[in-house]
Amino acid sequence: MSCKISTARIEQIDDIGVYEMKVIKTKVYELDELSEDAKEEAREWYRDGALDHDWWDYLEDDAGQIGLGITEFDLHRHSIHGEFTESGIDVARAVVANHGESCETYKTAQDHIADYDVECAKTSEDDDIDTEEIDTEFLRSLLEDYRNMLQKEYEYLLSDESVDDNIRINGYTFTEDGKRF
């Protein structure tokens, strides 16, 4: 087992103005040196502040790039709200052009394009195509795909694997019982 000795100096002034120095030595440990109970304590410390940044920004940016504005989401209530900033068919085409075939959004967009083509086939050239119903369903499905991506990212960021990696990368040290030092 390896450990580091961390030293803290405390300066005090006695009643005649003389400084007294006290040295406090504490053994500190890296995550992998802790017991399982202490590791869990360290993970909980990290999780308490792990998501104090806008961890979802890149997914909101991705949605914006395809023409979908996510206005709010609440993972605990399984809800997400948003709107198209482009037409539904333009959003679907952007998804197909920019998202991989294995992505749920890609499959959702392909379904919308197929539904759109069916609507076009039923409409004569002189009539306007009414896509409100299929656009509404596409919006609902696409938002659900993004909610699922947000949920998976949230769960990953708080997983033991991610937390442990971040603790190691940042070089955090702990007391023997897993308290942050």
N, C-alpha and C. Protein backbone atom coordinates (compact mmCIF):
# COMPACT_ATOMS: atom_id res chain seq x y z
N MET A 1 0.86 -1.18 0.00
CA MET A 1 0.00 0.00 0.00
C MET A 1 0.89 1.23 0.00
N SER A 2 0.54 2.16 -0.82
CA SER A 2 1.27 3.43 -0.81
C SER A 2 0.34 4.51 -0.28
N CYS A 3 0.91 5.47 0.30
CA CYS A 3 0.10 6.60 0.76
C CYS A 3 0.97 7.85 0.72
N LYS A 4 0.31 8.94 0.72
CA LYS A 4 1.00 10.22 0.72
C LYS A 4 0.78 10.86 2.08
N ILE A 5 1.75 11.58 2.53
CA ILE A 5 1.60 12.33 3.77
C ILE A 5 1.34 13.77 3.38
N SER A 6 0.22 14.27 3.81
CA SER A 6 -0.13 15.65 3.53
C SER A 6 0.12 16.45 4.80
N THR A 7 0.75 17.56 4.64
CA THR A 7 1.11 18.38 5.80
C THR A 7 0.40 19.72 5.71
N ALA A 8 -0.17 20.12 6.82
CA ALA A 8 -0.79 21.44 6.89
C ALA A 8 -0.16 22.18 8.07
N ARG A 9 0.13 23.42 7.87
CA ARG A 9 0.70 24.23 8.95
C ARG A 9 -0.36 25.20 9.43
N ILE A 10 -0.48 25.30 10.72
CA ILE A 10 -1.40 26.23 11.32
C ILE A 10 -0.60 27.23 12.13
N GLU A 11 -0.78 28.49 11.82
CA GLU A 11 -0.06 29.53 12.55
C GLU A 11 -0.99 30.13 13.59
N GLN A 12 -0.48 30.28 14.77
CA GLN A 12 -1.25 30.92 15.83
C GLN A 12 -0.38 32.00 16.48
N ILE A 13 -1.04 33.00 16.94
CA ILE A 13 -0.33 34.05 17.67
C ILE A 13 -0.70 33.88 19.14
N ASP A 14 0.32 33.75 19.96
CA ASP A 14 0.01 33.65 21.38
C ASP A 14 -0.22 35.04 21.96
N ASP A 15 -0.46 35.14 23.23
CA ASP A 15 -0.84 36.42 23.83
C ASP A 15 0.28 37.46 23.84
N ILE A 16 1.51 37.09 23.53
CA ILE A 16 2.56 38.10 23.47
C ILE A 16 3.04 38.33 22.03
N GLY A 17 2.30 37.83 21.05
CA GLY A 17 2.60 38.11 19.65
C GLY A 17 3.62 37.19 19.02
N VAL A 18 3.90 36.08 19.63
CA VAL A 18 4.86 35.14 19.07
C VAL A 18 4.08 34.08 18.28
N TYR A 19 4.59 33.77 17.11
CA TYR A 19 3.94 32.75 16.28
C TYR A 19 4.33 31.36 16.73
N GLU A 20 3.34 30.52 16.82
CA GLU A 20 3.59 29.11 17.08
C GLU A 20 3.14 28.34 15.84
N MET A 21 3.94 27.42 15.42
CA MET A 21 3.59 26.61 14.26
C MET A 21 3.20 25.22 14.74
N LYS A 22 2.11 24.74 14.19
CA LYS A 22 1.69 23.36 14.43
C LYS A 22 1.64 22.67 13.08
N VAL A 23 2.07 21.48 13.05
CA VAL A 23 2.06 20.70 11.82
C VAL A 23 1.09 19.54 12.01
N ILE A 24 0.20 19.40 11.05
CA ILE A 24 -0.74 18.29 11.08
C ILE A 24 -0.38 17.37 9.92
N LYS A 25 -0.14 16.13 10.23
CA LYS A 25 0.18 15.15 9.19
C LYS A 25 -0.99 14.19 9.07
N THR A 26 -1.38 13.96 7.82
CA THR A 26 -2.50 13.06 7.55
C THR A 26 -2.13 12.15 6.40
N LYS A 27 -2.38 10.88 6.55
CA LYS A 27 -2.17 9.95 5.45
C LYS A 27 -3.34 10.12 4.49
N VAL A 28 -3.03 10.27 3.22
CA VAL A 28 -4.08 10.37 2.21
C VAL A 28 -3.85 9.28 1.18
N TYR A 29 -4.95 8.85 0.58
CA TYR A 29 -4.92 7.71 -0.32
C TYR A 29 -5.58 8.07 -1.64
N GLU A 30 -5.12 7.44 -2.69
CA GLU A 30 -5.79 7.54 -3.97
C GLU A 30 -6.94 6.54 -3.97
N LEU A 31 -7.87 6.70 -4.89
CA LEU A 31 -9.08 5.89 -4.92
C LEU A 31 -8.79 4.39 -4.86
N ASP A 32 -7.86 3.92 -5.67
CA ASP A 32 -7.61 2.48 -5.77
C ASP A 32 -6.97 1.89 -4.51
N GLU A 33 -6.53 2.74 -3.61
CA GLU A 33 -5.92 2.28 -2.36
C GLU A 33 -6.95 2.16 -1.23
N LEU A 34 -8.17 2.58 -1.47
CA LEU A 34 -9.20 2.58 -0.44
C LEU A 34 -9.94 1.24 -0.36
N SER A 35 -10.53 0.97 0.80
CA SER A 35 -11.41 -0.19 0.94
C SER A 35 -12.67 0.06 0.12
N GLU A 36 -13.45 -0.96 -0.11
CA GLU A 36 -14.68 -0.80 -0.91
C GLU A 36 -15.64 0.20 -0.26
N ASP A 37 -15.79 0.15 1.06
CA ASP A 37 -16.67 1.11 1.74
C ASP A 37 -16.14 2.54 1.59
N ALA A 38 -14.84 2.70 1.72
CA ALA A 38 -14.24 4.03 1.58
C ALA A 38 -14.35 4.52 0.13
N LYS A 39 -14.20 3.62 -0.84
CA LYS A 39 -14.38 4.00 -2.25
C LYS A 39 -15.79 4.53 -2.48
N GLU A 40 -16.77 3.87 -1.89
CA GLU A 40 -18.16 4.31 -2.08
C GLU A 40 -18.37 5.68 -1.45
N GLU A 41 -17.74 5.94 -0.33
CA GLU A 41 -17.80 7.26 0.31
C GLU A 41 -17.18 8.32 -0.61
N ALA A 42 -16.05 7.99 -1.21
CA ALA A 42 -15.38 8.91 -2.13
C ALA A 42 -16.25 9.17 -3.37
N ARG A 43 -16.87 8.12 -3.88
CA ARG A 43 -17.76 8.28 -5.05
C ARG A 43 -18.94 9.19 -4.71
N GLU A 44 -19.50 9.01 -3.56
CA GLU A 44 -20.64 9.85 -3.17
C GLU A 44 -20.22 11.31 -3.05
N TRP A 45 -19.01 11.55 -2.52
CA TRP A 45 -18.50 12.92 -2.46
C TRP A 45 -18.44 13.50 -3.88
N TYR A 46 -17.89 12.74 -4.82
CA TYR A 46 -17.76 13.24 -6.18
C TYR A 46 -19.13 13.47 -6.82
N ARG A 47 -20.04 12.52 -6.64
CA ARG A 47 -21.37 12.64 -7.25
C ARG A 47 -22.13 13.87 -6.74
N ASP A 48 -21.89 14.25 -5.51
CA ASP A 48 -22.60 15.42 -4.95
C ASP A 48 -22.34 16.69 -5.76
N GLY A 49 -21.19 16.78 -6.41
CA GLY A 49 -20.90 17.98 -7.18
C GLY A 49 -20.59 17.71 -8.64
N ALA A 50 -20.75 16.46 -9.06
CA ALA A 50 -20.33 16.06 -10.41
C ALA A 50 -21.10 16.77 -11.51
N LEU A 51 -22.35 17.04 -11.31
CA LEU A 51 -23.17 17.59 -12.37
C LEU A 51 -23.54 19.04 -12.10
N ASP A 52 -22.57 19.80 -11.60
CA ASP A 52 -22.83 21.21 -11.33
C ASP A 52 -22.55 22.08 -12.55
N HIS A 53 -22.34 21.45 -13.69
CA HIS A 53 -22.14 22.17 -14.95
C HIS A 53 -23.24 21.77 -15.93
N ASP A 54 -23.31 22.41 -17.04
CA ASP A 54 -24.35 22.12 -18.04
C ASP A 54 -23.93 20.94 -18.90
N TRP A 55 -23.95 19.76 -18.32
CA TRP A 55 -23.49 18.54 -18.96
C TRP A 55 -24.29 18.18 -20.22
N TRP A 56 -25.45 18.75 -20.38
CA TRP A 56 -26.34 18.43 -21.50
C TRP A 56 -26.12 19.35 -22.71
N ASP A 57 -25.27 20.34 -22.60
CA ASP A 57 -25.09 21.34 -23.66
C ASP A 57 -24.84 20.72 -25.04
N TYR A 58 -23.99 19.70 -25.09
CA TYR A 58 -23.64 19.17 -26.41
C TYR A 58 -24.84 18.52 -27.08
N LEU A 59 -25.76 17.93 -26.30
CA LEU A 59 -26.97 17.35 -26.89
C LEU A 59 -27.94 18.44 -27.34
N GLU A 60 -28.05 19.51 -26.57
CA GLU A 60 -28.87 20.63 -27.00
C GLU A 60 -28.30 21.26 -28.27
N ASP A 61 -26.98 21.38 -28.33
CA ASP A 61 -26.33 21.93 -29.53
C ASP A 61 -26.58 21.03 -30.74
N ASP A 62 -26.47 19.74 -30.53
CA ASP A 62 -26.72 18.79 -31.62
C ASP A 62 -28.16 18.92 -32.12
N ALA A 63 -29.10 19.01 -31.21
CA ALA A 63 -30.50 19.18 -31.60
C ALA A 63 -30.68 20.47 -32.39
N GLY A 64 -30.05 21.54 -31.94
CA GLY A 64 -30.16 22.82 -32.63
C GLY A 64 -29.61 22.76 -34.05
N GLN A 65 -28.55 21.98 -34.24
CA GLN A 65 -27.95 21.88 -35.56
C GLN A 65 -28.85 21.18 -36.57
N ILE A 66 -29.76 20.34 -36.10
CA ILE A 66 -30.67 19.67 -37.04
C ILE A 66 -32.01 20.39 -37.16
N GLY A 67 -32.21 21.46 -36.38
CA GLY A 67 -33.45 22.21 -36.46
C GLY A 67 -34.46 21.88 -35.39
N LEU A 68 -33.97 21.38 -34.25
CA LEU A 68 -34.83 21.06 -33.11
C LEU A 68 -34.37 21.88 -31.92
N GLY A 69 -35.28 22.66 -31.35
CA GLY A 69 -34.96 23.42 -30.16
C GLY A 69 -35.52 22.73 -28.93
N ILE A 70 -34.65 22.29 -28.04
CA ILE A 70 -35.11 21.70 -26.77
C ILE A 70 -35.29 22.85 -25.80
N THR A 71 -36.51 23.05 -25.34
CA THR A 71 -36.80 24.19 -24.46
C THR A 71 -36.67 23.83 -22.99
N GLU A 72 -36.95 22.59 -22.63
CA GLU A 72 -36.77 22.14 -21.24
C GLU A 72 -36.86 20.63 -21.17
N PHE A 73 -36.26 20.08 -20.12
CA PHE A 73 -36.39 18.65 -19.86
C PHE A 73 -36.28 18.40 -18.37
N ASP A 74 -36.89 17.33 -17.92
CA ASP A 74 -36.85 16.91 -16.53
C ASP A 74 -36.73 15.40 -16.53
N LEU A 75 -35.55 14.90 -16.28
CA LEU A 75 -35.33 13.46 -16.36
C LEU A 75 -36.05 12.71 -15.25
N HIS A 76 -36.23 13.34 -14.11
CA HIS A 76 -36.91 12.67 -13.00
C HIS A 76 -38.40 12.48 -13.30
N ARG A 77 -38.95 13.37 -14.09
CA ARG A 77 -40.36 13.26 -14.48
C ARG A 77 -40.52 12.68 -15.88
N HIS A 78 -39.42 12.31 -16.48
CA HIS A 78 -39.43 11.73 -17.83
C HIS A 78 -40.13 12.64 -18.83
N SER A 79 -39.81 13.92 -18.78
CA SER A 79 -40.47 14.85 -19.70
C SER A 79 -39.42 15.68 -20.44
N ILE A 80 -39.80 16.07 -21.65
CA ILE A 80 -38.96 16.92 -22.48
C ILE A 80 -39.89 17.72 -23.38
N HIS A 81 -39.53 18.97 -23.61
CA HIS A 81 -40.34 19.85 -24.46
C HIS A 81 -39.42 20.53 -25.47
N GLY A 82 -39.97 20.78 -26.64
CA GLY A 82 -39.20 21.45 -27.66
C GLY A 82 -40.05 21.76 -28.87
N GLU A 83 -39.40 22.33 -29.87
CA GLU A 83 -40.11 22.70 -31.09
C GLU A 83 -39.14 22.67 -32.26
N PHE A 84 -39.71 22.51 -33.44
CA PHE A 84 -38.89 22.59 -34.64
C PHE A 84 -38.56 24.04 -34.93
N THR A 85 -37.33 24.29 -35.33
CA THR A 85 -36.95 25.62 -35.80
C THR A 85 -36.89 25.62 -37.32
N GLU A 86 -37.07 24.47 -37.92
CA GLU A 86 -37.16 24.27 -39.36
C GLU A 86 -38.42 23.42 -39.60
N SER A 87 -38.76 23.18 -40.85
CA SER A 87 -39.90 22.31 -41.13
C SER A 87 -39.57 20.88 -40.71
N GLY A 88 -40.58 20.10 -40.43
CA GLY A 88 -40.37 18.71 -40.00
C GLY A 88 -39.56 17.92 -41.00
N ILE A 89 -39.88 18.07 -42.29
CA ILE A 89 -39.15 17.31 -43.31
C ILE A 89 -37.69 17.76 -43.40
N ASP A 90 -37.43 19.05 -43.22
CA ASP A 90 -36.04 19.54 -43.23
C ASP A 90 -35.26 19.00 -42.03
N VAL A 91 -35.92 18.92 -40.90
CA VAL A 91 -35.28 18.34 -39.71
C VAL A 91 -34.96 16.87 -39.96
N ALA A 92 -35.92 16.14 -40.52
CA ALA A 92 -35.70 14.72 -40.81
C ALA A 92 -34.53 14.53 -41.77
N ARG A 93 -34.45 15.35 -42.79
CA ARG A 93 -33.34 15.25 -43.75
C ARG A 93 -32.00 15.59 -43.08
N ALA A 94 -32.01 16.57 -42.19
CA ALA A 94 -30.77 16.92 -41.47
C ALA A 94 -30.33 15.78 -40.57
N VAL A 95 -31.28 15.11 -39.94
CA VAL A 95 -30.93 13.97 -39.08
C VAL A 95 -30.29 12.88 -39.92
N VAL A 96 -30.91 12.54 -41.04
CA VAL A 96 -30.39 11.48 -41.90
C VAL A 96 -28.99 11.85 -42.42
N ALA A 97 -28.78 13.11 -42.71
CA ALA A 97 -27.48 13.55 -43.24
C ALA A 97 -26.39 13.59 -42.16
N ASN A 98 -26.78 13.81 -40.89
CA ASN A 98 -25.78 14.06 -39.84
C ASN A 98 -25.69 13.02 -38.74
N HIS A 99 -26.68 12.16 -38.60
CA HIS A 99 -26.66 11.16 -37.54
C HIS A 99 -26.40 9.79 -38.16
N GLY A 100 -25.72 8.95 -37.46
CA GLY A 100 -25.41 7.61 -37.97
C GLY A 100 -26.63 6.70 -38.01
N GLU A 101 -26.54 5.68 -38.85
CA GLU A 101 -27.65 4.76 -39.04
C GLU A 101 -28.02 4.00 -37.77
N SER A 102 -27.09 3.85 -36.85
CA SER A 102 -27.38 3.11 -35.62
C SER A 102 -28.08 3.98 -34.56
N CYS A 103 -28.18 5.27 -34.83
CA CYS A 103 -28.79 6.21 -33.87
C CYS A 103 -30.32 6.14 -33.98
N GLU A 104 -30.98 6.15 -32.85
CA GLU A 104 -32.45 6.12 -32.85
C GLU A 104 -33.05 7.30 -33.61
N THR A 105 -32.40 8.45 -33.53
CA THR A 105 -32.92 9.62 -34.25
C THR A 105 -32.93 9.38 -35.75
N TYR A 106 -31.95 8.66 -36.24
CA TYR A 106 -31.87 8.33 -37.66
C TYR A 106 -33.08 7.50 -38.08
N LYS A 107 -33.37 6.48 -37.28
CA LYS A 107 -34.51 5.60 -37.58
C LYS A 107 -35.82 6.39 -37.51
N THR A 108 -35.95 7.25 -36.53
CA THR A 108 -37.15 8.08 -36.38
C THR A 108 -37.30 9.00 -37.58
N ALA A 109 -36.20 9.59 -38.03
CA ALA A 109 -36.23 10.49 -39.18
C ALA A 109 -36.60 9.73 -40.46
N GLN A 110 -36.06 8.55 -40.64
CA GLN A 110 -36.41 7.75 -41.82
C GLN A 110 -37.90 7.42 -41.83
N ASP A 111 -38.45 7.09 -40.68
CA ASP A 111 -39.90 6.82 -40.60
C ASP A 111 -40.69 8.05 -40.99
N HIS A 112 -40.24 9.23 -40.54
CA HIS A 112 -40.95 10.46 -40.87
C HIS A 112 -40.89 10.73 -42.37
N ILE A 113 -39.73 10.53 -42.97
CA ILE A 113 -39.59 10.76 -44.40
C ILE A 113 -40.52 9.82 -45.17
N ALA A 114 -40.62 8.57 -44.73
CA ALA A 114 -41.53 7.62 -45.38
C ALA A 114 -42.98 8.08 -45.24
N ASP A 115 -43.36 8.54 -44.04
CA ASP A 115 -44.73 9.05 -43.82
C ASP A 115 -44.99 10.28 -44.68
N TYR A 116 -44.00 11.14 -44.80
CA TYR A 116 -44.11 12.35 -45.61
C TYR A 116 -44.32 11.98 -47.08
N ASP A 117 -43.56 11.00 -47.55
CA ASP A 117 -43.71 10.56 -48.94
C ASP A 117 -45.10 10.00 -49.21
N VAL A 118 -45.66 9.28 -48.24
CA VAL A 118 -47.02 8.75 -48.38
C VAL A 118 -48.02 9.90 -48.48
N GLU A 119 -47.86 10.92 -47.64
CA GLU A 119 -48.75 12.09 -47.69
C GLU A 119 -48.64 12.80 -49.04
N CYS A 120 -47.44 12.92 -49.53
CA CYS A 120 -47.23 13.57 -50.83
C CYS A 120 -47.91 12.79 -51.94
N ALA A 121 -47.84 11.47 -51.88
CA ALA A 121 -48.44 10.63 -52.91
C ALA A 121 -49.97 10.73 -52.91
N LYS A 122 -50.54 11.01 -51.73
CA LYS A 122 -52.01 11.12 -51.63
C LYS A 122 -52.53 12.49 -52.05
N THR A 123 -51.66 13.44 -52.24
CA THR A 123 -52.05 14.82 -52.52
C THR A 123 -51.77 15.16 -53.98
N SER A 124 -52.72 15.81 -54.61
CA SER A 124 -52.50 16.23 -55.99
C SER A 124 -51.54 17.41 -56.03
N GLU A 125 -50.97 17.66 -57.20
CA GLU A 125 -49.99 18.73 -57.35
C GLU A 125 -50.55 20.11 -57.00
N ASP A 126 -51.84 20.32 -57.18
CA ASP A 126 -52.45 21.62 -56.94
C ASP A 126 -52.77 21.88 -55.47
N ASP A 127 -52.78 20.82 -54.64
CA ASP A 127 -53.14 20.95 -53.23
C ASP A 127 -51.90 21.11 -52.36
N ASP A 128 -52.08 21.80 -51.25
CA ASP A 128 -51.00 21.89 -50.27
C ASP A 128 -50.96 20.60 -49.46
N ILE A 129 -49.77 20.21 -49.09
CA ILE A 129 -49.62 19.00 -48.28
C ILE A 129 -49.83 19.36 -46.81
N ASP A 130 -50.74 18.63 -46.16
CA ASP A 130 -51.00 18.87 -44.74
C ASP A 130 -50.19 17.85 -43.94
N THR A 131 -49.09 18.31 -43.38
CA THR A 131 -48.20 17.41 -42.63
C THR A 131 -48.25 17.67 -41.13
N GLU A 132 -49.19 18.46 -40.68
CA GLU A 132 -49.23 18.82 -39.25
C GLU A 132 -49.27 17.59 -38.36
N GLU A 133 -50.10 16.62 -38.69
CA GLU A 133 -50.24 15.44 -37.85
C GLU A 133 -48.95 14.61 -37.82
N ILE A 134 -48.37 14.38 -39.00
CA ILE A 134 -47.15 13.57 -39.00
C ILE A 134 -45.96 14.36 -38.43
N ASP A 135 -45.95 15.68 -38.61
CA ASP A 135 -44.89 16.50 -38.00
C ASP A 135 -44.99 16.48 -36.48
N THR A 136 -46.20 16.54 -35.96
CA THR A 136 -46.41 16.49 -34.50
C THR A 136 -45.94 15.16 -33.93
N GLU A 137 -46.24 14.08 -34.63
CA GLU A 137 -45.80 12.76 -34.17
C GLU A 137 -44.28 12.64 -34.28
N PHE A 138 -43.71 13.18 -35.33
CA PHE A 138 -42.25 13.17 -35.50
C PHE A 138 -41.58 13.97 -34.38
N LEU A 139 -42.12 15.13 -34.08
CA LEU A 139 -41.57 15.96 -33.00
C LEU A 139 -41.60 15.19 -31.69
N ARG A 140 -42.74 14.57 -31.38
CA ARG A 140 -42.87 13.80 -30.14
C ARG A 140 -41.82 12.68 -30.10
N SER A 141 -41.69 11.94 -31.20
CA SER A 141 -40.74 10.82 -31.25
C SER A 141 -39.29 11.29 -31.17
N LEU A 142 -38.98 12.36 -31.86
CA LEU A 142 -37.61 12.88 -31.85
C LEU A 142 -37.23 13.41 -30.46
N LEU A 143 -38.17 14.10 -29.83
CA LEU A 143 -37.90 14.57 -28.46
C LEU A 143 -37.71 13.40 -27.51
N GLU A 144 -38.47 12.34 -27.69
CA GLU A 144 -38.30 11.15 -26.85
C GLU A 144 -36.92 10.53 -27.09
N ASP A 145 -36.47 10.50 -28.33
CA ASP A 145 -35.12 10.00 -28.62
C ASP A 145 -34.08 10.84 -27.87
N TYR A 146 -34.23 12.16 -27.89
CA TYR A 146 -33.28 13.02 -27.19
C TYR A 146 -33.40 12.85 -25.67
N ARG A 147 -34.59 12.67 -25.16
CA ARG A 147 -34.73 12.43 -23.72
C ARG A 147 -34.01 11.15 -23.33
N ASN A 148 -34.11 10.12 -24.16
CA ASN A 148 -33.41 8.87 -23.88
C ASN A 148 -31.89 9.07 -23.91
N MET A 149 -31.40 9.86 -24.87
CA MET A 149 -29.97 10.14 -24.91
C MET A 149 -29.53 10.91 -23.67
N LEU A 150 -30.32 11.89 -23.25
CA LEU A 150 -30.00 12.66 -22.04
C LEU A 150 -29.98 11.75 -20.82
N GLN A 151 -30.96 10.85 -20.72
CA GLN A 151 -31.03 9.92 -19.59
C GLN A 151 -29.80 9.02 -19.55
N LYS A 152 -29.41 8.49 -20.70
CA LYS A 152 -28.24 7.61 -20.75
C LYS A 152 -26.97 8.36 -20.38
N GLU A 153 -26.83 9.59 -20.84
CA GLU A 153 -25.65 10.39 -20.51
C GLU A 153 -25.61 10.69 -19.01
N TYR A 154 -26.75 11.05 -18.45
CA TYR A 154 -26.86 11.34 -17.01
C TYR A 154 -26.45 10.11 -16.20
N GLU A 155 -26.99 8.96 -16.56
CA GLU A 155 -26.68 7.73 -15.84
C GLU A 155 -25.20 7.37 -15.97
N TYR A 156 -24.65 7.58 -17.16
CA TYR A 156 -23.22 7.29 -17.34
C TYR A 156 -22.36 8.21 -16.48
N LEU A 157 -22.66 9.51 -16.50
CA LEU A 157 -21.85 10.46 -15.73
C LEU A 157 -21.83 10.15 -14.25
N LEU A 158 -22.88 9.50 -13.74
CA LEU A 158 -22.94 9.16 -12.32
C LEU A 158 -22.57 7.70 -12.05
N SER A 159 -22.21 6.96 -13.08
CA SER A 159 -21.84 5.55 -12.92
C SER A 159 -20.50 5.43 -12.19
N ASP A 160 -20.29 4.30 -11.54
CA ASP A 160 -19.01 4.06 -10.86
C ASP A 160 -17.85 4.21 -11.83
N GLU A 161 -17.99 3.68 -13.05
CA GLU A 161 -16.92 3.75 -14.04
C GLU A 161 -16.52 5.20 -14.33
N SER A 162 -17.48 6.04 -14.63
CA SER A 162 -17.19 7.44 -14.95
C SER A 162 -16.66 8.19 -13.74
N VAL A 163 -17.29 7.99 -12.61
CA VAL A 163 -16.87 8.67 -11.38
C VAL A 163 -15.43 8.28 -11.02
N ASP A 164 -15.14 6.99 -11.07
CA ASP A 164 -13.79 6.52 -10.75
C ASP A 164 -12.77 7.13 -11.72
N ASP A 165 -13.09 7.13 -13.00
CA ASP A 165 -12.17 7.72 -13.99
C ASP A 165 -11.91 9.19 -13.68
N ASN A 166 -12.94 9.93 -13.36
CA ASN A 166 -12.78 11.36 -13.08
C ASN A 166 -12.01 11.61 -11.80
N ILE A 167 -12.22 10.79 -10.80
CA ILE A 167 -11.46 10.92 -9.55
C ILE A 167 -9.97 10.67 -9.82
N ARG A 168 -9.69 9.62 -10.60
CA ARG A 168 -8.28 9.30 -10.92
C ARG A 168 -7.65 10.41 -11.75
N ILE A 169 -8.34 10.84 -12.81
CA ILE A 169 -7.80 11.86 -13.72
C ILE A 169 -7.47 13.15 -12.97
N ASN A 170 -8.31 13.51 -12.03
CA ASN A 170 -8.12 14.76 -11.29
C ASN A 170 -7.18 14.61 -10.10
N GLY A 171 -6.75 13.40 -9.81
CA GLY A 171 -5.78 13.18 -8.74
C GLY A 171 -6.31 13.46 -7.34
N TYR A 172 -7.61 13.28 -7.14
CA TYR A 172 -8.17 13.53 -5.81
C TYR A 172 -7.63 12.50 -4.82
N THR A 173 -7.44 12.96 -3.59
CA THR A 173 -6.98 12.08 -2.52
C THR A 173 -7.98 12.12 -1.38
N PHE A 174 -7.93 11.07 -0.56
CA PHE A 174 -8.93 10.85 0.49
C PHE A 174 -8.27 10.32 1.74
N THR A 175 -8.97 10.52 2.84
CA THR A 175 -8.53 9.89 4.08
C THR A 175 -8.88 8.41 3.99
N GLU A 176 -8.42 7.65 4.95
CA GLU A 176 -8.63 6.19 4.92
C GLU A 176 -10.11 5.80 4.84
N ASP A 177 -10.98 6.63 5.41
CA ASP A 177 -12.41 6.31 5.38
C ASP A 177 -13.15 6.88 4.16
N GLY A 178 -12.40 7.46 3.22
CA GLY A 178 -13.01 7.93 1.98
C GLY A 178 -13.43 9.39 1.97
N LYS A 179 -13.08 10.13 3.00
CA LYS A 179 -13.39 11.56 3.04
C LYS A 179 -12.37 12.31 2.19
N ARG A 180 -12.83 13.31 1.46
CA ARG A 180 -11.97 14.08 0.59
C ARG A 180 -10.96 14.86 1.41
N PHE A 181 -9.70 14.83 0.97
CA PHE A 181 -8.67 15.61 1.64
C PHE A 181 -8.00 16.50 0.63
